[in-house]
Amino acid sequence: MKATLLIKNIENLYTCSEDDIILKNAFVAMHHDRIIDMGVHDPKEWIDDATRVIDARGECVVPAFIDCHFNTPDDRLDGDRMRKESDALYLMRMNGILTLISRDPQMRRRELFQEVVISRHIPKIPIIQGVPQEPVEPPILLSCGMNSLPHKMYSMQPLAFFLHVYCGIGAYCLLKAMTCNPAREYGLKELGEIRIGFQGDLLVINKPTIEAYFSEVGVQTIHRMIKAGIQFFPYIMRS
């Protein structure tokens, strides 16, 4: 078995594992939708003529983001609601949010590059959706706060920027609030981490570290998005 997609020369690979492993000058190999290997050793054993290879030199790789509080747009007309819902999901996907959690059963949706999961679970750790009024202590969950705030945000990065720069929360803690924390809290098996056997939902960020990603706002630095082992942004790269 060879890799169908392989990312090499990763400056920093943030696994979001329980032991917070960060691999430098690393690679990730995927066979269709699953991660089959990762590390800092030579990945050539996984490559053949059919393997799509991505060079992430100078970039970092993280698990795809998970928003844990997505609600149905509040519209009386079903047509308007469905249109706004579709627009919101698209904009969130373009900001790296490839999995969303909702309490509304009407929101269940599984598309090729994004999924809405239904759960009525009440998390044990706080969900931060806007600028906090009191000090915040990790672990936390982050959300865009759709329909919970007067403004509409389709990315968690601006909130993470504020929490990192003005509240002093570590970048890795914020990354986990967008990836492994919601996956574990809501029982999303095989998501939220970069681990052998897990689903290949990954983001390639055009920054060497996650600290650099959370240190500026208003700039699109997500270079590539991969869902279930298929790169779909900036273009579809199929195996």
C-alpha atoms as a PDB file:
ATOM      1  CA  MET A   1       0.000   0.000   0.000  1.00  0.00           C
ATOM      2  CA  LYS A   2       1.273   3.441  -0.986  1.00  0.00           C
ATOM      3  CA  ALA A   3       0.127   6.904  -0.015  1.00  0.00           C
ATOM      4  CA  THR A   4      -2.452   8.585  -2.213  1.00  0.00           C
ATOM      5  CA  LEU A   5      -1.508  11.989  -0.734  1.00  0.00           C
ATOM      6  CA  LEU A   6       1.665  12.944   1.114  1.00  0.00           C
ATOM      7  CA  ILE A   7       2.659  16.254   2.685  1.00  0.00           C
ATOM      8  CA  LYS A   8       6.404  16.627   3.182  1.00  0.00           C
ATOM      9  CA  ASN A   9       8.898  19.160   4.568  1.00  0.00           C
ATOM     10  CA  ILE A  10       6.400  20.420   7.151  1.00  0.00           C
ATOM     11  CA  GLU A  11       8.063  23.086   9.291  1.00  0.00           C
ATOM     12  CA  ASN A  12       5.908  22.240  12.323  1.00  0.00           C
ATOM     13  CA  LEU A  13       3.332  19.464  12.493  1.00  0.00           C
ATOM     14  CA  TYR A  14       0.898  20.086  15.360  1.00  0.00           C
ATOM     15  CA  THR A  15      -0.604  16.702  16.176  1.00  0.00           C
ATOM     16  CA  CYS A  16      -2.957  17.971  18.940  1.00  0.00           C
ATOM     17  CA  SER A  17      -2.431  14.623  20.652  1.00  0.00           C
ATOM     18  CA  GLU A  18      -2.854  14.198  24.380  1.00  0.00           C
ATOM     19  CA  ASP A  19       0.886  14.628  24.874  1.00  0.00           C
ATOM     20  CA  ASP A  20       0.992  17.762  22.673  1.00  0.00           C
ATOM     21  CA  ILE A  21       3.604  16.419  20.257  1.00  0.00           C
ATOM     22  CA  ILE A  22       4.949  18.902  17.703  1.00  0.00           C
ATOM     23  CA  LEU A  23       7.083  17.386  14.932  1.00  0.00           C
ATOM     24  CA  LYS A  24       9.599  19.512  13.042  1.00  0.00           C
ATOM     25  CA  ASN A  25      10.589  18.920   9.415  1.00  0.00           C
ATOM     26  CA  ALA A  26       7.932  16.218   9.295  1.00  0.00           C
ATOM     27  CA  PHE A  27       5.587  14.493   6.855  1.00  0.00           C
ATOM     28  CA  VAL A  28       2.057  13.062   6.837  1.00  0.00           C
ATOM     29  CA  ALA A  29       1.074  10.209   4.511  1.00  0.00           C
ATOM     30  CA  MET A  30      -2.556   9.380   3.710  1.00  0.00           C
ATOM     31  CA  HIS A  31      -4.126   6.443   1.907  1.00  0.00           C
ATOM     32  CA  HIS A  32      -7.438   7.774   0.638  1.00  0.00           C
ATOM     33  CA  ASP A  33      -9.226   9.138   3.754  1.00  0.00           C
ATOM     34  CA  ARG A  34      -6.890   7.724   6.454  1.00  0.00           C
ATOM     35  CA  ILE A  35      -3.527   8.775   7.842  1.00  0.00           C
ATOM     36  CA  ILE A  36      -1.164   5.821   7.415  1.00  0.00           C
ATOM     37  CA  ASP A  37       2.121   7.319   8.619  1.00  0.00           C
ATOM     38  CA  MET A  38       3.677  10.485   9.975  1.00  0.00           C
ATOM     39  CA  GLY A  39       6.962  11.515  11.508  1.00  0.00           C
ATOM     40  CA  VAL A  40      10.403  12.870  10.763  1.00  0.00           C
ATOM     41  CA  HIS A  41      11.856   9.805   9.010  1.00  0.00           C
ATOM     42  CA  ASP A  42      12.224   9.407   5.242  1.00  0.00           C
ATOM     43  CA  PRO A  43       8.758   9.034   3.652  1.00  0.00           C
ATOM     44  CA  LYS A  44       9.977   7.627   0.338  1.00  0.00           C
ATOM     45  CA  GLU A  45       8.624   4.145   1.149  1.00  0.00           C
ATOM     46  CA  TRP A  46       5.087   5.555   0.797  1.00  0.00           C
ATOM     47  CA  ILE A  47       5.596   7.227  -2.578  1.00  0.00           C
ATOM     48  CA  ASP A  48       4.969   5.824  -6.041  1.00  0.00           C
ATOM     49  CA  ASP A  49       4.004   7.357  -9.386  1.00  0.00           C
ATOM     50  CA  ALA A  50       0.359   7.747  -8.303  1.00  0.00           C
ATOM     51  CA  THR A  51       1.095   9.602  -5.032  1.00  0.00           C
ATOM     52  CA  ARG A  52       0.185  13.280  -4.968  1.00  0.00           C
ATOM     53  CA  VAL A  53       2.969  15.077  -3.095  1.00  0.00           C
ATOM     54  CA  ILE A  54       2.618  18.488  -1.411  1.00  0.00           C
ATOM     55  CA  ASP A  55       5.724  20.402  -0.345  1.00  0.00           C
ATOM     56  CA  ALA A  56       4.942  22.364   2.852  1.00  0.00           C
ATOM     57  CA  ARG A  57       8.385  23.869   3.306  1.00  0.00           C
ATOM     58  CA  GLY A  58       8.158  26.886   5.639  1.00  0.00           C
ATOM     59  CA  GLU A  59       4.559  26.036   6.581  1.00  0.00           C
ATOM     60  CA  CYS A  60       2.801  24.351   9.484  1.00  0.00           C
ATOM     61  CA  VAL A  61       0.099  21.678   9.388  1.00  0.00           C
ATOM     62  CA  VAL A  62      -2.758  21.377  11.889  1.00  0.00           C
ATOM     63  CA  PRO A  63      -5.992  19.370  12.181  1.00  0.00           C
ATOM     64  CA  ALA A  64      -8.964  20.948  10.414  1.00  0.00           C
ATOM     65  CA  PHE A  65     -11.060  23.212  12.642  1.00  0.00           C
ATOM     66  CA  ILE A  66     -14.269  22.138  14.422  1.00  0.00           C
ATOM     67  CA  ASP A  67     -16.975  24.642  15.420  1.00  0.00           C
ATOM     68  CA  CYS A  68     -18.988  23.272  18.329  1.00  0.00           C
ATOM     69  CA  HIS A  69     -21.975  25.646  18.344  1.00  0.00           C
ATOM     70  CA  PHE A  70     -23.584  26.095  14.926  1.00  0.00           C
ATOM     71  CA  ASN A  71     -27.248  27.067  14.956  1.00  0.00           C
ATOM     72  CA  THR A  72     -29.915  27.366  12.303  1.00  0.00           C
ATOM     73  CA  PRO A  73     -30.144  30.903  10.863  1.00  0.00           C
ATOM     74  CA  ASP A  74     -33.160  32.627  12.414  1.00  0.00           C
ATOM     75  CA  ASP A  75     -35.479  33.217   9.445  1.00  0.00           C
ATOM     76  CA  ARG A  76     -39.203  32.598   9.134  1.00  0.00           C
ATOM     77  CA  LEU A  77     -39.084  31.671   5.481  1.00  0.00           C
ATOM     78  CA  ASP A  78     -37.566  28.250   4.798  1.00  0.00           C
ATOM     79  CA  GLY A  79     -36.049  29.437   1.522  1.00  0.00           C
ATOM     80  CA  ASP A  80     -34.217  32.319   3.185  1.00  0.00           C
ATOM     81  CA  ARG A  81     -33.098  30.114   6.045  1.00  0.00           C
ATOM     82  CA  MET A  82     -31.695  27.452   3.721  1.00  0.00           C
ATOM     83  CA  ARG A  83     -29.896  30.029   1.578  1.00  0.00           C
ATOM     84  CA  LYS A  84     -28.328  31.733   4.590  1.00  0.00           C
ATOM     85  CA  GLU A  85     -27.426  28.371   6.082  1.00  0.00           C
ATOM     86  CA  SER A  86     -25.697  27.332   2.861  1.00  0.00           C
ATOM     87  CA  ASP A  87     -23.863  30.664   2.596  1.00  0.00           C
ATOM     88  CA  ALA A  88     -22.711  30.441   6.224  1.00  0.00           C
ATOM     89  CA  LEU A  89     -21.414  26.898   5.822  1.00  0.00           C
ATOM     90  CA  TYR A  90     -19.500  27.858   2.689  1.00  0.00           C
ATOM     91  CA  LEU A  91     -17.866  30.869   4.348  1.00  0.00           C
ATOM     92  CA  MET A  92     -16.935  28.833   7.409  1.00  0.00           C
ATOM     93  CA  ARG A  93     -15.462  26.129   5.200  1.00  0.00           C
ATOM     94  CA  MET A  94     -13.288  28.728   3.491  1.00  0.00           C
ATOM     95  CA  ASN A  95     -11.905  29.560   6.953  1.00  0.00           C
ATOM     96  CA  GLY A  96     -10.876  25.985   7.656  1.00  0.00           C
ATOM     97  CA  ILE A  97     -13.987  24.847   9.588  1.00  0.00           C
ATOM     98  CA  LEU A  98     -14.630  21.440   8.046  1.00  0.00           C
ATOM     99  CA  THR A  99     -16.752  19.977  10.866  1.00  0.00           C
ATOM    100  CA  LEU A 100     -19.552  21.698  12.774  1.00  0.00           C
ATOM    101  CA  ILE A 101     -21.695  20.614  15.724  1.00  0.00           C
ATOM    102  CA  SER A 102     -25.347  21.654  16.037  1.00  0.00           C
ATOM    103  CA  ARG A 103     -28.244  20.874  18.376  1.00  0.00           C
ATOM    104  CA  ASP A 104     -30.792  21.265  15.562  1.00  0.00           C
ATOM    105  CA  PRO A 105     -31.571  17.917  13.835  1.00  0.00           C
ATOM    106  CA  GLN A 106     -32.554  19.796  10.674  1.00  0.00           C
ATOM    107  CA  MET A 107     -28.941  20.894  10.322  1.00  0.00           C
ATOM    108  CA  ARG A 108     -27.529  17.412   9.780  1.00  0.00           C
ATOM    109  CA  ARG A 109     -25.477  17.467   6.609  1.00  0.00           C
ATOM    110  CA  ARG A 110     -22.627  15.457   5.208  1.00  0.00           C
ATOM    111  CA  GLU A 111     -20.954  16.843   2.128  1.00  0.00           C
ATOM    112  CA  LEU A 112     -17.703  15.816   0.530  1.00  0.00           C
ATOM    113  CA  PHE A 113     -15.680  18.591   2.154  1.00  0.00           C
ATOM    114  CA  GLN A 114     -17.719  19.572   5.226  1.00  0.00           C
ATOM    115  CA  GLU A 115     -19.953  17.866   7.767  1.00  0.00           C
ATOM    116  CA  VAL A 116     -22.554  19.051  10.298  1.00  0.00           C
ATOM    117  CA  VAL A 117     -22.921  16.678  13.265  1.00  0.00           C
ATOM    118  CA  ILE A 118     -25.967  16.717  15.554  1.00  0.00           C
ATOM    119  CA  SER A 119     -25.356  16.522  19.305  1.00  0.00           C
ATOM    120  CA  ARG A 120     -27.281  17.639  22.390  1.00  0.00           C
ATOM    121  CA  HIS A 121     -24.298  17.029  24.636  1.00  0.00           C
ATOM    122  CA  ILE A 122     -23.643  19.796  27.177  1.00  0.00           C
ATOM    123  CA  PRO A 123     -19.868  20.311  27.302  1.00  0.00           C
ATOM    124  CA  LYS A 124     -18.029  20.274  30.598  1.00  0.00           C
ATOM    125  CA  ILE A 125     -15.631  23.015  29.495  1.00  0.00           C
ATOM    126  CA  PRO A 126     -16.745  26.532  28.491  1.00  0.00           C
ATOM    127  CA  ILE A 127     -17.535  27.590  24.929  1.00  0.00           C
ATOM    128  CA  ILE A 128     -16.039  31.004  24.102  1.00  0.00           C
ATOM    129  CA  GLN A 129     -17.980  32.716  21.293  1.00  0.00           C
ATOM    130  CA  GLY A 130     -17.042  36.368  21.736  1.00  0.00           C
ATOM    131  CA  VAL A 131     -14.795  38.723  23.651  1.00  0.00           C
ATOM    132  CA  PRO A 132     -14.900  37.372  27.217  1.00  0.00           C
ATOM    133  CA  GLN A 133     -16.017  39.611  30.067  1.00  0.00           C
ATOM    134  CA  GLU A 134     -14.007  37.652  32.633  1.00  0.00           C
ATOM    135  CA  PRO A 135     -10.576  35.982  32.589  1.00  0.00           C
ATOM    136  CA  VAL A 136     -10.450  32.782  30.569  1.00  0.00           C
ATOM    137  CA  GLU A 137      -8.617  29.680  31.727  1.00  0.00           C
ATOM    138  CA  PRO A 138      -7.952  26.749  29.361  1.00  0.00           C
ATOM    139  CA  PRO A 139      -9.147  24.220  28.483  1.00  0.00           C
ATOM    140  CA  ILE A 140     -11.825  25.910  26.410  1.00  0.00           C
ATOM    141  CA  LEU A 141     -13.846  25.466  23.231  1.00  0.00           C
ATOM    142  CA  LEU A 142     -14.062  28.147  20.539  1.00  0.00           C
ATOM    143  CA  SER A 143     -16.982  28.954  18.237  1.00  0.00           C
ATOM    144  CA  CYS A 144     -17.842  31.599  15.676  1.00  0.00           C
ATOM    145  CA  GLY A 145     -21.011  32.267  17.680  1.00  0.00           C
ATOM    146  CA  MET A 146     -23.396  32.025  14.747  1.00  0.00           C
ATOM    147  CA  ASN A 147     -26.844  33.331  15.804  1.00  0.00           C
ATOM    148  CA  SER A 148     -25.559  33.860  19.341  1.00  0.00           C
ATOM    149  CA  LEU A 149     -23.939  37.231  18.707  1.00  0.00           C
ATOM    150  CA  PRO A 150     -25.297  40.403  17.061  1.00  0.00           C
ATOM    151  CA  HIS A 151     -22.563  40.277  14.429  1.00  0.00           C
ATOM    152  CA  LYS A 152     -21.759  37.420  12.062  1.00  0.00           C
ATOM    153  CA  MET A 153     -18.321  35.841  12.083  1.00  0.00           C
ATOM    154  CA  TYR A 154     -17.414  32.954   9.832  1.00  0.00           C
ATOM    155  CA  SER A 155     -13.950  32.342  11.259  1.00  0.00           C
ATOM    156  CA  MET A 156     -12.606  31.543  14.720  1.00  0.00           C
ATOM    157  CA  GLN A 157      -9.237  33.144  13.944  1.00  0.00           C
ATOM    158  CA  PRO A 158     -10.191  36.751  14.936  1.00  0.00           C
ATOM    159  CA  LEU A 159     -11.398  35.573  18.351  1.00  0.00           C
ATOM    160  CA  ALA A 160      -8.297  33.414  18.767  1.00  0.00           C
ATOM    161  CA  PHE A 161      -6.162  36.436  17.813  1.00  0.00           C
ATOM    162  CA  PHE A 162      -7.809  38.503  20.555  1.00  0.00           C
ATOM    163  CA  LEU A 163      -7.433  35.757  23.153  1.00  0.00           C
ATOM    164  CA  HIS A 164      -3.799  35.203  22.217  1.00  0.00           C
ATOM    165  CA  VAL A 165      -2.637  38.801  21.902  1.00  0.00           C
ATOM    166  CA  TYR A 166      -4.773  40.554  24.536  1.00  0.00           C
ATOM    167  CA  CYS A 167      -5.584  37.771  27.002  1.00  0.00           C
ATOM    168  CA  GLY A 168      -2.273  35.936  26.854  1.00  0.00           C
ATOM    169  CA  ILE A 169      -3.681  32.493  26.095  1.00  0.00           C
ATOM    170  CA  GLY A 170      -1.101  30.234  24.481  1.00  0.00           C
ATOM    171  CA  ALA A 171      -1.424  29.522  20.779  1.00  0.00           C
ATOM    172  CA  TYR A 172      -1.379  25.753  21.217  1.00  0.00           C
ATOM    173  CA  CYS A 173      -4.183  25.987  23.815  1.00  0.00           C
ATOM    174  CA  LEU A 174      -6.239  27.936  21.282  1.00  0.00           C
ATOM    175  CA  LEU A 175      -5.490  25.459  18.513  1.00  0.00           C
ATOM    176  CA  LYS A 176      -6.698  22.630  20.745  1.00  0.00           C
ATOM    177  CA  ALA A 177      -9.868  24.644  21.493  1.00  0.00           C
ATOM    178  CA  MET A 178     -10.594  24.494  17.740  1.00  0.00           C
ATOM    179  CA  THR A 179      -9.585  20.874  17.112  1.00  0.00           C
ATOM    180  CA  CYS A 180      -9.016  18.103  19.667  1.00  0.00           C
ATOM    181  CA  ASN A 181     -10.996  19.656  22.541  1.00  0.00           C
ATOM    182  CA  PRO A 182     -14.346  19.671  20.684  1.00  0.00           C
ATOM    183  CA  ALA A 183     -13.584  16.297  19.097  1.00  0.00           C
ATOM    184  CA  ARG A 184     -13.042  14.690  22.505  1.00  0.00           C
ATOM    185  CA  GLU A 185     -15.835  16.597  24.228  1.00  0.00           C
ATOM    186  CA  TYR A 186     -18.446  15.595  21.639  1.00  0.00           C
ATOM    187  CA  GLY A 187     -17.134  12.098  20.921  1.00  0.00           C
ATOM    188  CA  LEU A 188     -16.010  12.760  17.344  1.00  0.00           C
ATOM    189  CA  LYS A 189     -13.814   9.726  16.927  1.00  0.00           C
ATOM    190  CA  GLU A 190     -10.939   9.920  14.431  1.00  0.00           C
ATOM    191  CA  LEU A 191     -11.188  13.730  14.177  1.00  0.00           C
ATOM    192  CA  GLY A 192      -9.388  16.622  15.849  1.00  0.00           C
ATOM    193  CA  GLU A 193      -5.935  15.043  15.898  1.00  0.00           C
ATOM    194  CA  ILE A 194      -3.241  14.081  13.425  1.00  0.00           C
ATOM    195  CA  ARG A 195      -2.681  10.434  14.266  1.00  0.00           C
ATOM    196  CA  ILE A 196      -2.163   7.204  12.366  1.00  0.00           C
ATOM    197  CA  GLY A 197      -5.573   5.676  11.674  1.00  0.00           C
ATOM    198  CA  PHE A 198      -7.417   8.982  12.028  1.00  0.00           C
ATOM    199  CA  GLN A 199      -9.262  10.703   9.185  1.00  0.00           C
ATOM    200  CA  GLY A 200      -7.085  12.982   7.070  1.00  0.00           C
ATOM    201  CA  ASP A 201      -8.727  16.352   7.819  1.00  0.00           C
ATOM    202  CA  LEU A 202      -5.824  18.792   7.669  1.00  0.00           C
ATOM    203  CA  LEU A 203      -4.974  22.436   7.070  1.00  0.00           C
ATOM    204  CA  VAL A 204      -1.675  23.647   5.639  1.00  0.00           C
ATOM    205  CA  ILE A 205      -1.032  27.142   6.981  1.00  0.00           C
ATOM    206  CA  ASN A 206       1.332  29.524   5.246  1.00  0.00           C
ATOM    207  CA  LYS A 207       3.127  30.294   8.497  1.00  0.00           C
ATOM    208  CA  PRO A 208       5.948  28.358  10.164  1.00  0.00           C
ATOM    209  CA  THR A 209       4.235  28.281  13.569  1.00  0.00           C
ATOM    210  CA  ILE A 210       0.740  28.443  14.998  1.00  0.00           C
ATOM    211  CA  GLU A 211       1.898  31.426  17.088  1.00  0.00           C
ATOM    212  CA  ALA A 212       2.407  33.345  13.838  1.00  0.00           C
ATOM    213  CA  TYR A 213      -1.059  32.322  12.632  1.00  0.00           C
ATOM    214  CA  PHE A 214      -2.737  33.665  15.778  1.00  0.00           C
ATOM    215  CA  SER A 215      -0.658  36.865  15.848  1.00  0.00           C
ATOM    216  CA  GLU A 216      -2.397  38.663  12.980  1.00  0.00           C
ATOM    217  CA  VAL A 217      -5.943  39.052  11.782  1.00  0.00           C
ATOM    218  CA  GLY A 218      -7.621  39.792   8.451  1.00  0.00           C
ATOM    219  CA  VAL A 219      -5.125  37.853   6.334  1.00  0.00           C
ATOM    220  CA  GLN A 220      -5.941  34.528   4.665  1.00  0.00           C
ATOM    221  CA  THR A 221      -3.012  32.299   5.587  1.00  0.00           C
ATOM    222  CA  ILE A 222      -4.644  28.896   5.140  1.00  0.00           C
ATOM    223  CA  HIS A 223      -2.796  27.689   2.064  1.00  0.00           C
ATOM    224  CA  ARG A 224      -4.395  24.272   1.601  1.00  0.00           C
ATOM    225  CA  MET A 225      -7.427  22.429   2.990  1.00  0.00           C
ATOM    226  CA  ILE A 226      -7.740  18.654   2.995  1.00  0.00           C
ATOM    227  CA  LYS A 227     -10.906  16.750   3.932  1.00  0.00           C
ATOM    228  CA  ALA A 228     -10.870  12.953   4.217  1.00  0.00           C
ATOM    229  CA  GLY A 229      -7.554  12.812   2.386  1.00  0.00           C
ATOM    230  CA  ILE A 230      -8.619  14.987  -0.561  1.00  0.00           C
ATOM    231  CA  GLN A 231      -7.223  18.459  -1.064  1.00  0.00           C
ATOM    232  CA  PHE A 232     -10.122  20.664  -2.189  1.00  0.00           C
ATOM    233  CA  PHE A 233      -8.605  24.123  -1.650  1.00  0.00           C
ATOM    234  CA  PRO A 234      -7.128  26.003  -3.484  1.00  0.00           C
ATOM    235  CA  TYR A 235      -8.044  23.348  -6.070  1.00  0.00           C
ATOM    236  CA  ILE A 236      -9.139  19.732  -5.971  1.00  0.00           C
ATOM    237  CA  MET A 237      -6.220  17.309  -5.939  1.00  0.00           C
ATOM    238  CA  ARG A 238      -7.640  13.821  -6.277  1.00  0.00           C
ATOM    239  CA  SER A 239      -5.706  10.607  -5.884  1.00  0.00           C
END
